[in-house]
Amino acid sequence: MPANTGIIPPYTARPDKLAPGASYNPIPQQIAPIWEDNVAVDLVIVVSPTFVHEPLARVPKERVVADETAFKIGDTGDKRVIDAEFDVPKEVQNNGTLWGHYYIGKTGSTLDPSVAGYDPGNAYHFIRPLTQYIAKKKTKKTKNLLSAADEEEEIDEEDTIQGPITKSYYHPNFTMSFVPNTGVMSYPNMHPAARQFTHIESTGARDASGQNGWYYPVFFVNTFWQLRAHMQELNSTVTRLPIHIDLNNQANWLYSIIASVDEGQKATARASAMGGPLPPGGGDGSEFEMIKEVLLDTNIYLLSTTVIVSIFHMLFEMLAFKSDIVSFARRQLCRMVTNWSSHISATRRITLVFPSAPSLGTCLCKPLSFYIFSITMRTLAG
């Protein structure tokens, strides 16, 4: 099935040169999928202490943590689980970055850019870090006066040392997803979180207008559920690490939400670690970490029951509050009716006192009634 390219021609039908009078824009304005929908791809993932590409033929076999073939983009039933282990490079042990090199191409195509016959129209390569730099925590030894044992307490290192102190942390679980049916996108207006996973065609090809280009399939490396509490600090004592990858397809709308929320939380945490200003009313990102930890560590049935009970509790509270308001209004009405009844009864009795002098009774009752009415209104208003 051909890709949804809109006004942009398919990549295979791209022009050899620009139209007369057109100018080349180094930043494409509109980008369309370079490959057709539901294409089968091969995937190779290599871990490395450097972001520099190494020929795949020279990479030790142990550092190739994934080698998948014929994965169907857009097929939600195609799910794969990858488990591997690798030795930690010396550079990573010394607070270096552990990089992941991703080689993706149509099934059967050459994936290594350094090999003759590599076609950038059928394959692409990009890198992403597999480790995160987080403000380090250290342990402070304290003594409990009620017991003889020494206790260790974790405190934030940035609270005791001037300036941010960061260390490299690693989480072994990754969810990696292809995002199908992304269609034509406006590249300059994309959310930064989504733009970092969108890779433009590497040769810089444009359509006849010189303004539009193409992009490779979106491959989302999801670190949303990597909690800080579950991460491991990398140092000289860590010599070997496991890696677990869940490979699947993910809906475009879900990818956009997760990527934007995750990037916003990480940006807030980085700003807090560097001592920068925090967003109004926001925290340093630890609150969101706690929410994710609750969602991961709590039994889903117990959590659902708690949510349902809380909703019913709020509903009953609203009904009780409404009942109190109605009861109060009824009491106010009853008091008003009782006051008017007593005032009318008193007025009638005064009238009966002067049966032989109706004019006198009338003269006395009118100002008295007005006085009683004014007192009643003040009472109700107060």
Protein backbone atom coordinates (compact mmCIF):
# COMPACT_ATOMS: atom_id res chain seq x y z
CA MET A 1 0.00 0.00 0.00
CA PRO A 2 1.50 3.39 -0.94
CA ALA A 3 2.21 5.85 1.82
CA ASN A 4 0.03 8.91 2.44
CA THR A 5 2.21 11.62 0.87
CA GLY A 6 -0.49 14.19 0.02
CA ILE A 7 0.84 16.86 -2.35
CA ILE A 8 4.39 15.51 -2.01
CA PRO A 9 5.22 12.87 -4.64
CA PRO A 10 6.41 9.41 -3.50
CA TYR A 11 10.12 9.19 -2.81
CA THR A 12 10.66 6.85 -5.76
CA ALA A 13 9.11 9.51 -8.04
CA ARG A 14 11.16 12.42 -6.71
CA PRO A 15 12.45 14.85 -9.35
CA ASP A 16 16.10 14.98 -10.37
CA LYS A 17 16.17 18.78 -10.11
CA LEU A 18 14.10 21.63 -8.78
CA ALA A 19 11.42 23.40 -10.79
CA PRO A 20 12.45 26.62 -12.56
CA GLY A 21 12.51 29.51 -10.09
CA ALA A 22 12.35 27.20 -7.03
CA SER A 23 14.86 27.53 -4.18
CA TYR A 24 16.27 24.78 -2.01
CA ASN A 25 15.31 24.94 1.68
CA PRO A 26 17.74 23.08 3.99
CA ILE A 27 14.91 22.68 6.51
CA PRO A 28 11.95 20.86 4.91
CA GLN A 29 8.56 22.40 5.59
CA GLN A 30 6.36 19.40 4.87
CA ILE A 31 7.65 15.84 5.16
CA ALA A 32 6.06 12.64 3.90
CA PRO A 33 6.80 8.95 4.63
CA ILE A 34 9.65 7.66 2.51
CA TRP A 35 8.41 4.06 2.44
CA GLU A 36 5.04 2.52 1.75
CA ASP A 37 2.74 1.52 4.60
CA ASN A 38 2.93 -1.97 6.16
CA VAL A 39 6.49 -2.54 5.00
CA ALA A 40 8.62 -5.32 6.53
CA VAL A 41 11.93 -4.18 8.01
CA ASP A 42 15.12 -5.59 9.52
CA LEU A 43 16.51 -4.16 12.76
CA VAL A 44 19.98 -4.35 14.29
CA ILE A 45 20.85 -2.67 17.61
CA VAL A 46 24.48 -2.29 18.72
CA VAL A 47 25.68 -0.93 22.08
CA SER A 48 28.82 1.17 21.99
CA PRO A 49 30.83 3.57 24.21
CA THR A 50 31.04 6.06 21.32
CA PHE A 51 28.55 7.80 19.06
CA VAL A 52 30.86 7.24 16.07
CA HIS A 53 29.63 4.61 13.63
CA GLU A 54 31.60 1.38 13.47
CA PRO A 55 31.34 -1.04 10.55
CA LEU A 56 29.08 -3.88 11.61
CA ALA A 57 31.67 -6.43 10.45
CA ARG A 58 34.09 -5.14 13.12
CA VAL A 59 31.61 -4.98 15.98
CA PRO A 60 32.03 -7.82 18.51
CA LYS A 61 29.09 -10.17 18.33
CA GLU A 62 28.32 -9.68 22.03
CA ARG A 63 27.62 -5.99 21.49
CA VAL A 64 24.90 -6.76 18.94
CA VAL A 65 21.97 -6.97 21.36
CA ALA A 66 19.22 -7.24 18.73
CA ASP A 67 19.08 -8.68 15.22
CA GLU A 68 15.48 -8.93 14.02
CA THR A 69 14.27 -9.61 10.49
CA ALA A 70 10.97 -9.11 8.66
CA PHE A 71 9.25 -7.08 11.37
CA LYS A 72 5.94 -5.81 9.94
CA ILE A 73 5.32 -2.11 10.55
CA GLY A 74 1.62 -1.53 11.26
CA ASP A 75 0.90 -5.13 12.27
CA THR A 76 -0.21 -4.87 15.91
CA GLY A 77 0.06 -8.62 16.27
CA ASP A 78 3.78 -8.61 15.54
CA LYS A 79 5.34 -8.33 19.01
CA ARG A 80 8.81 -9.52 19.87
CA VAL A 81 10.79 -9.84 23.09
CA ILE A 82 14.57 -9.52 23.08
CA ASP A 83 16.86 -10.41 26.00
CA ALA A 84 20.63 -10.10 25.94
CA GLU A 85 23.69 -9.30 28.07
CA PHE A 86 26.87 -7.41 27.31
CA ASP A 87 30.12 -6.35 28.96
CA VAL A 88 30.25 -2.75 30.14
CA PRO A 89 32.96 -0.77 28.29
CA LYS A 90 35.64 0.94 30.36
CA GLU A 91 34.53 4.37 29.11
CA VAL A 92 31.03 3.76 30.44
CA GLN A 93 32.38 2.63 33.80
CA ASN A 94 34.16 6.00 34.05
CA ASN A 95 30.91 8.00 33.81
CA GLY A 96 30.75 7.78 30.01
CA THR A 97 27.61 7.43 27.90
CA LEU A 98 26.41 4.07 26.66
CA TRP A 99 25.15 4.60 23.11
CA GLY A 100 22.72 2.53 21.12
CA HIS A 101 23.26 2.38 17.35
CA TYR A 102 20.08 1.52 15.45
CA TYR A 103 20.24 0.12 11.91
CA ILE A 104 16.86 -0.17 10.19
CA GLY A 105 16.08 -1.03 6.60
CA LYS A 106 13.70 -2.82 4.31
CA THR A 107 13.97 -6.57 4.63
CA GLY A 108 16.93 -7.84 2.63
CA SER A 109 18.60 -4.46 2.17
CA THR A 110 22.12 -3.55 3.30
CA LEU A 111 22.01 -1.94 6.77
CA ASP A 112 25.67 -0.93 7.20
CA PRO A 113 26.34 2.57 5.77
CA SER A 114 30.05 1.73 5.38
CA VAL A 115 29.39 -1.20 3.03
CA ALA A 116 29.25 -0.83 -0.74
CA GLY A 117 25.71 -1.11 -2.01
CA TYR A 118 24.16 0.74 0.90
CA ASP A 119 21.11 2.67 -0.30
CA PRO A 120 19.86 5.52 1.94
CA GLY A 121 16.49 5.17 0.28
CA ASN A 122 16.11 1.66 1.72
CA ALA A 123 17.89 1.91 5.10
CA TYR A 124 18.88 4.40 7.78
CA HIS A 125 21.02 4.59 10.88
CA PHE A 126 20.70 6.75 14.01
CA ILE A 127 22.00 6.78 17.59
CA ARG A 128 20.41 7.36 20.99
CA PRO A 129 21.87 7.14 24.52
CA LEU A 130 20.87 4.11 26.59
CA THR A 131 21.98 5.74 29.85
CA GLN A 132 20.73 8.84 31.66
CA TYR A 133 22.66 11.42 33.65
CA ILE A 134 20.89 12.09 36.95
CA ALA A 135 21.88 14.04 40.06
CA LYS A 136 23.62 11.47 42.22
CA LYS A 137 22.45 10.44 45.66
CA LYS A 138 24.88 9.45 48.38
CA THR A 139 24.49 7.70 51.71
CA LYS A 140 25.00 9.41 55.02
CA LYS A 141 25.73 7.29 58.07
CA THR A 142 23.52 8.10 61.05
CA LYS A 143 23.14 6.57 64.47
CA ASN A 144 19.79 5.74 66.01
CA LEU A 145 19.91 6.59 69.72
CA LEU A 146 17.19 4.02 70.46
CA SER A 147 19.21 1.18 69.00
CA ALA A 148 22.86 0.27 68.83
CA ALA A 149 22.87 -0.32 65.09
CA ASP A 150 24.10 2.24 62.59
CA GLU A 151 21.66 3.21 59.85
CA GLU A 152 22.26 4.54 56.37
CA GLU A 153 20.10 7.33 55.03
CA GLU A 154 19.98 8.47 51.40
CA ILE A 155 20.16 12.21 50.87
CA ASP A 156 20.41 14.32 47.73
CA GLU A 157 24.02 15.10 46.99
CA GLU A 158 23.13 18.46 45.52
CA ASP A 159 21.94 19.44 49.02
CA THR A 160 25.46 19.04 50.44
CA ILE A 161 27.77 19.83 47.52
CA GLN A 162 27.75 23.09 45.61
CA GLY A 163 26.77 22.61 41.99
CA PRO A 164 25.07 19.65 40.30
CA ILE A 165 26.84 16.29 40.56
CA THR A 166 25.58 13.88 37.91
CA LYS A 167 26.29 10.22 37.34
CA SER A 168 25.44 7.81 34.58
CA TYR A 169 22.46 5.56 35.36
CA TYR A 170 21.15 2.57 33.43
CA HIS A 171 17.75 0.87 33.27
CA PRO A 172 17.64 -2.60 31.68
CA ASN A 173 14.04 -2.49 30.36
CA PHE A 174 13.18 -0.74 27.09
CA THR A 175 10.03 -0.54 25.00
CA MET A 176 10.79 0.20 21.36
CA SER A 177 7.97 0.82 18.92
CA PHE A 178 7.45 1.61 15.27
CA VAL A 179 4.76 4.26 14.76
CA PRO A 180 2.75 3.60 11.58
CA ASN A 181 0.34 5.85 9.67
CA THR A 182 2.00 9.12 10.63
CA GLY A 183 1.23 10.72 7.24
CA VAL A 184 2.43 14.13 6.06
CA MET A 185 3.75 16.34 8.88
CA SER A 186 4.82 19.97 9.23
CA TYR A 187 8.42 19.59 10.34
CA PRO A 188 9.07 23.11 11.75
CA ASN A 189 5.86 22.96 13.81
CA MET A 190 6.41 19.52 15.31
CA HIS A 191 6.62 19.10 19.08
CA PRO A 192 10.31 18.81 20.08
CA ALA A 193 9.62 15.48 21.78
CA ALA A 194 8.28 14.01 18.54
CA ARG A 195 10.89 15.69 16.34
CA GLN A 196 13.77 13.89 18.06
CA PHE A 197 12.34 10.56 16.85
CA THR A 198 11.70 11.80 13.30
CA HIS A 199 14.65 11.22 10.98
CA ILE A 200 14.78 13.12 7.70
CA GLU A 201 15.98 11.38 4.53
CA SER A 202 19.77 11.50 4.77
CA THR A 203 20.66 12.75 1.25
CA GLY A 204 18.62 15.95 1.62
CA ALA A 205 16.31 15.18 -1.30
CA ARG A 206 13.44 17.64 -1.95
CA ASP A 207 10.40 17.76 -4.20
CA ALA A 208 10.22 20.10 -7.20
CA SER A 209 9.44 23.10 -4.99
CA GLY A 210 12.61 22.58 -2.93
CA GLN A 211 10.58 23.03 0.27
CA ASN A 212 9.35 19.53 1.09
CA GLY A 213 11.09 16.25 1.84
CA TRP A 214 10.67 12.75 3.21
CA TYR A 215 11.30 10.96 6.52
CA TYR A 216 12.06 7.43 7.61
CA PRO A 217 9.62 5.38 9.75
CA VAL A 218 9.33 6.73 13.29
CA PHE A 219 11.07 4.44 15.78
CA PHE A 220 10.14 5.36 19.34
CA VAL A 221 12.57 4.42 22.14
CA ASN A 222 10.17 4.64 25.08
CA THR A 223 11.79 5.40 28.46
CA PHE A 224 8.58 6.68 30.09
CA TRP A 225 8.38 3.83 32.60
CA GLN A 226 12.07 3.85 33.52
CA LEU A 227 11.90 4.95 37.14
CA ARG A 228 14.87 6.45 38.93
CA ALA A 229 14.35 4.08 41.85
CA HIS A 230 14.89 1.11 39.52
CA MET A 231 18.04 2.44 37.85
CA GLN A 232 21.58 1.30 38.49
CA GLU A 233 24.55 3.62 38.77
CA LEU A 234 27.38 2.67 36.43
CA ASN A 235 30.88 2.61 37.87
CA SER A 236 33.96 0.38 37.94
CA THR A 237 32.16 -2.30 39.94
CA VAL A 238 29.58 -2.88 37.18
CA THR A 239 31.14 -5.16 34.57
CA ARG A 240 28.12 -6.74 32.87
CA LEU A 241 24.58 -5.55 32.18
CA PRO A 242 21.36 -7.16 30.93
CA ILE A 243 18.98 -5.58 28.43
CA HIS A 244 15.32 -6.41 27.84
CA ILE A 245 13.53 -5.00 24.79
CA ASP A 246 9.83 -5.19 23.95
CA LEU A 247 9.48 -4.54 20.22
CA ASN A 248 6.03 -3.65 18.91
CA ASN A 249 3.88 -1.14 17.02
CA GLN A 250 2.27 1.84 18.73
CA ALA A 251 -0.57 4.15 17.73
CA ASN A 252 0.44 7.63 16.62
CA TRP A 253 -1.77 9.45 19.16
CA LEU A 254 -0.45 7.39 22.07
CA TYR A 255 3.14 7.92 20.95
CA SER A 256 2.62 11.69 20.79
CA ILE A 257 1.18 11.85 24.32
CA ILE A 258 3.82 9.63 25.95
CA ALA A 259 6.74 11.33 24.17
CA SER A 260 5.61 14.86 25.05
CA VAL A 261 4.82 14.05 28.70
CA ASP A 262 8.10 12.16 29.17
CA GLU A 263 10.18 14.90 27.59
CA GLY A 264 8.45 17.58 29.68
CA GLN A 265 9.10 15.68 32.90
CA LYS A 266 12.77 15.07 32.04
CA ALA A 267 13.26 18.73 31.08
CA THR A 268 11.85 19.79 34.45
CA ALA A 269 14.13 17.35 36.27
CA ARG A 270 17.18 18.62 34.35
CA ALA A 271 16.30 22.23 35.12
CA SER A 272 15.90 21.40 38.79
CA ALA A 273 19.25 19.57 38.91
CA MET A 274 21.00 22.53 37.29
CA GLY A 275 19.39 24.99 39.70
CA GLY A 276 17.26 26.58 37.00
CA PRO A 277 13.76 28.03 37.43
CA LEU A 278 10.88 25.59 37.78
CA PRO A 279 7.50 26.04 36.04
CA PRO A 280 4.87 27.93 38.10
CA GLY A 281 3.10 25.55 40.45
CA GLY A 282 5.31 22.65 39.38
CA GLY A 283 7.79 20.46 41.23
CA ASP A 284 11.13 18.97 40.31
CA GLY A 285 9.63 15.91 38.61
CA SER A 286 9.79 13.63 41.66
CA GLU A 287 6.02 13.89 42.15
CA PHE A 288 5.38 12.42 38.73
CA GLU A 289 7.89 9.67 39.47
CA MET A 290 5.86 8.75 42.55
CA ILE A 291 2.66 8.52 40.49
CA LYS A 292 4.33 6.22 37.98
CA GLU A 293 5.76 4.11 40.79
CA VAL A 294 2.29 3.69 42.28
CA LEU A 295 0.90 2.63 38.89
CA LEU A 296 3.70 0.10 38.38
CA ASP A 297 3.95 -1.37 41.88
CA THR A 298 0.25 -1.46 42.84
CA ASN A 299 -2.04 -4.35 41.93
CA ILE A 300 -4.24 -3.15 39.08
CA TYR A 301 -7.40 -4.68 40.62
CA LEU A 302 -6.82 -3.05 44.00
CA LEU A 303 -6.04 0.27 42.34
CA SER A 304 -9.22 0.06 40.23
CA THR A 305 -11.29 -0.77 43.30
CA THR A 306 -9.82 2.20 45.16
CA VAL A 307 -10.64 4.54 42.26
CA ILE A 308 -14.23 3.27 42.00
CA VAL A 309 -14.80 3.56 45.76
CA SER A 310 -13.36 7.08 45.74
CA ILE A 311 -15.74 8.10 42.94
CA PHE A 312 -18.75 6.73 44.85
CA HIS A 313 -17.54 8.48 48.00
CA MET A 314 -17.39 11.83 46.18
CA LEU A 315 -20.86 11.22 44.73
CA PHE A 316 -22.37 10.49 48.16
CA GLU A 317 -20.63 13.54 49.62
CA MET A 318 -22.24 15.71 46.93
CA LEU A 319 -25.67 14.20 47.60
CA ALA A 320 -25.26 14.76 51.35
CA PHE A 321 -24.25 18.37 50.77
CA LYS A 322 -27.27 18.89 48.52
CA SER A 323 -29.53 17.38 51.17
CA ASP A 324 -28.10 19.76 53.79
CA ILE A 325 -28.82 22.74 51.54
CA VAL A 326 -32.43 21.62 50.93
CA SER A 327 -32.97 21.01 54.66
CA PHE A 328 -31.57 24.44 55.53
CA ALA A 329 -33.83 26.11 52.95
CA ARG A 330 -36.87 24.32 54.35
CA ARG A 331 -36.04 25.41 57.90
CA GLN A 332 -35.68 29.00 56.75
CA LEU A 333 -39.04 28.79 54.98
CA CYS A 334 -40.77 27.28 58.02
CA ARG A 335 -39.35 30.02 60.26
CA MET A 336 -40.56 32.72 57.89
CA VAL A 337 -44.06 31.22 57.72
CA THR A 338 -44.20 30.91 61.53
CA ASN A 339 -43.14 34.54 62.00
CA TRP A 340 -45.75 35.84 59.57
CA SER A 341 -48.46 33.72 61.15
CA SER A 342 -47.72 35.07 64.62
CA HIS A 343 -47.64 38.65 63.35
CA ILE A 344 -50.95 38.30 61.53
CA SER A 345 -52.53 36.70 64.61
CA ALA A 346 -51.35 39.57 66.82
CA THR A 347 -52.74 42.12 64.40
CA ARG A 348 -56.16 40.44 64.36
CA ARG A 349 -56.28 40.39 68.17
CA ILE A 350 -55.52 44.11 68.36
CA THR A 351 -58.34 44.76 65.94
CA LEU A 352 -60.76 42.77 68.10
CA VAL A 353 -59.83 44.81 71.17
CA PHE A 354 -61.46 47.88 69.60
CA PRO A 355 -64.69 46.56 68.07
CA SER A 356 -66.64 49.72 68.83
CA ALA A 357 -63.97 52.00 67.39
CA PRO A 358 -62.91 50.54 64.07
CA SER A 359 -61.18 53.71 62.97
CA LEU A 360 -58.96 53.69 66.06
CA GLY A 361 -58.16 50.00 65.58
CA THR A 362 -57.23 50.66 61.98
CA CYS A 363 -54.99 53.58 62.89
CA LEU A 364 -53.16 51.45 65.46
CA CYS A 365 -52.84 48.34 63.29
CA LYS A 366 -51.30 49.91 60.21
CA PRO A 367 -48.15 51.32 61.83
CA LEU A 368 -47.86 48.24 64.05
CA SER A 369 -48.05 45.92 61.07
CA PHE A 370 -45.40 47.93 59.25
CA TYR A 371 -43.17 47.77 62.32
CA ILE A 372 -43.63 44.01 62.64
CA PHE A 373 -42.93 43.54 58.91
CA SER A 374 -39.68 45.52 59.11
CA ILE A 375 -38.53 43.48 62.13
CA THR A 376 -39.29 40.26 60.27
CA MET A 377 -37.30 41.31 57.20
CA ARG A 378 -34.29 42.26 59.34
CA THR A 379 -34.47 38.87 61.05
CA LEU A 380 -34.50 37.01 57.74
CA ALA A 381 -31.73 39.15 56.32
CA GLY A 382 -29.55 38.58 59.37
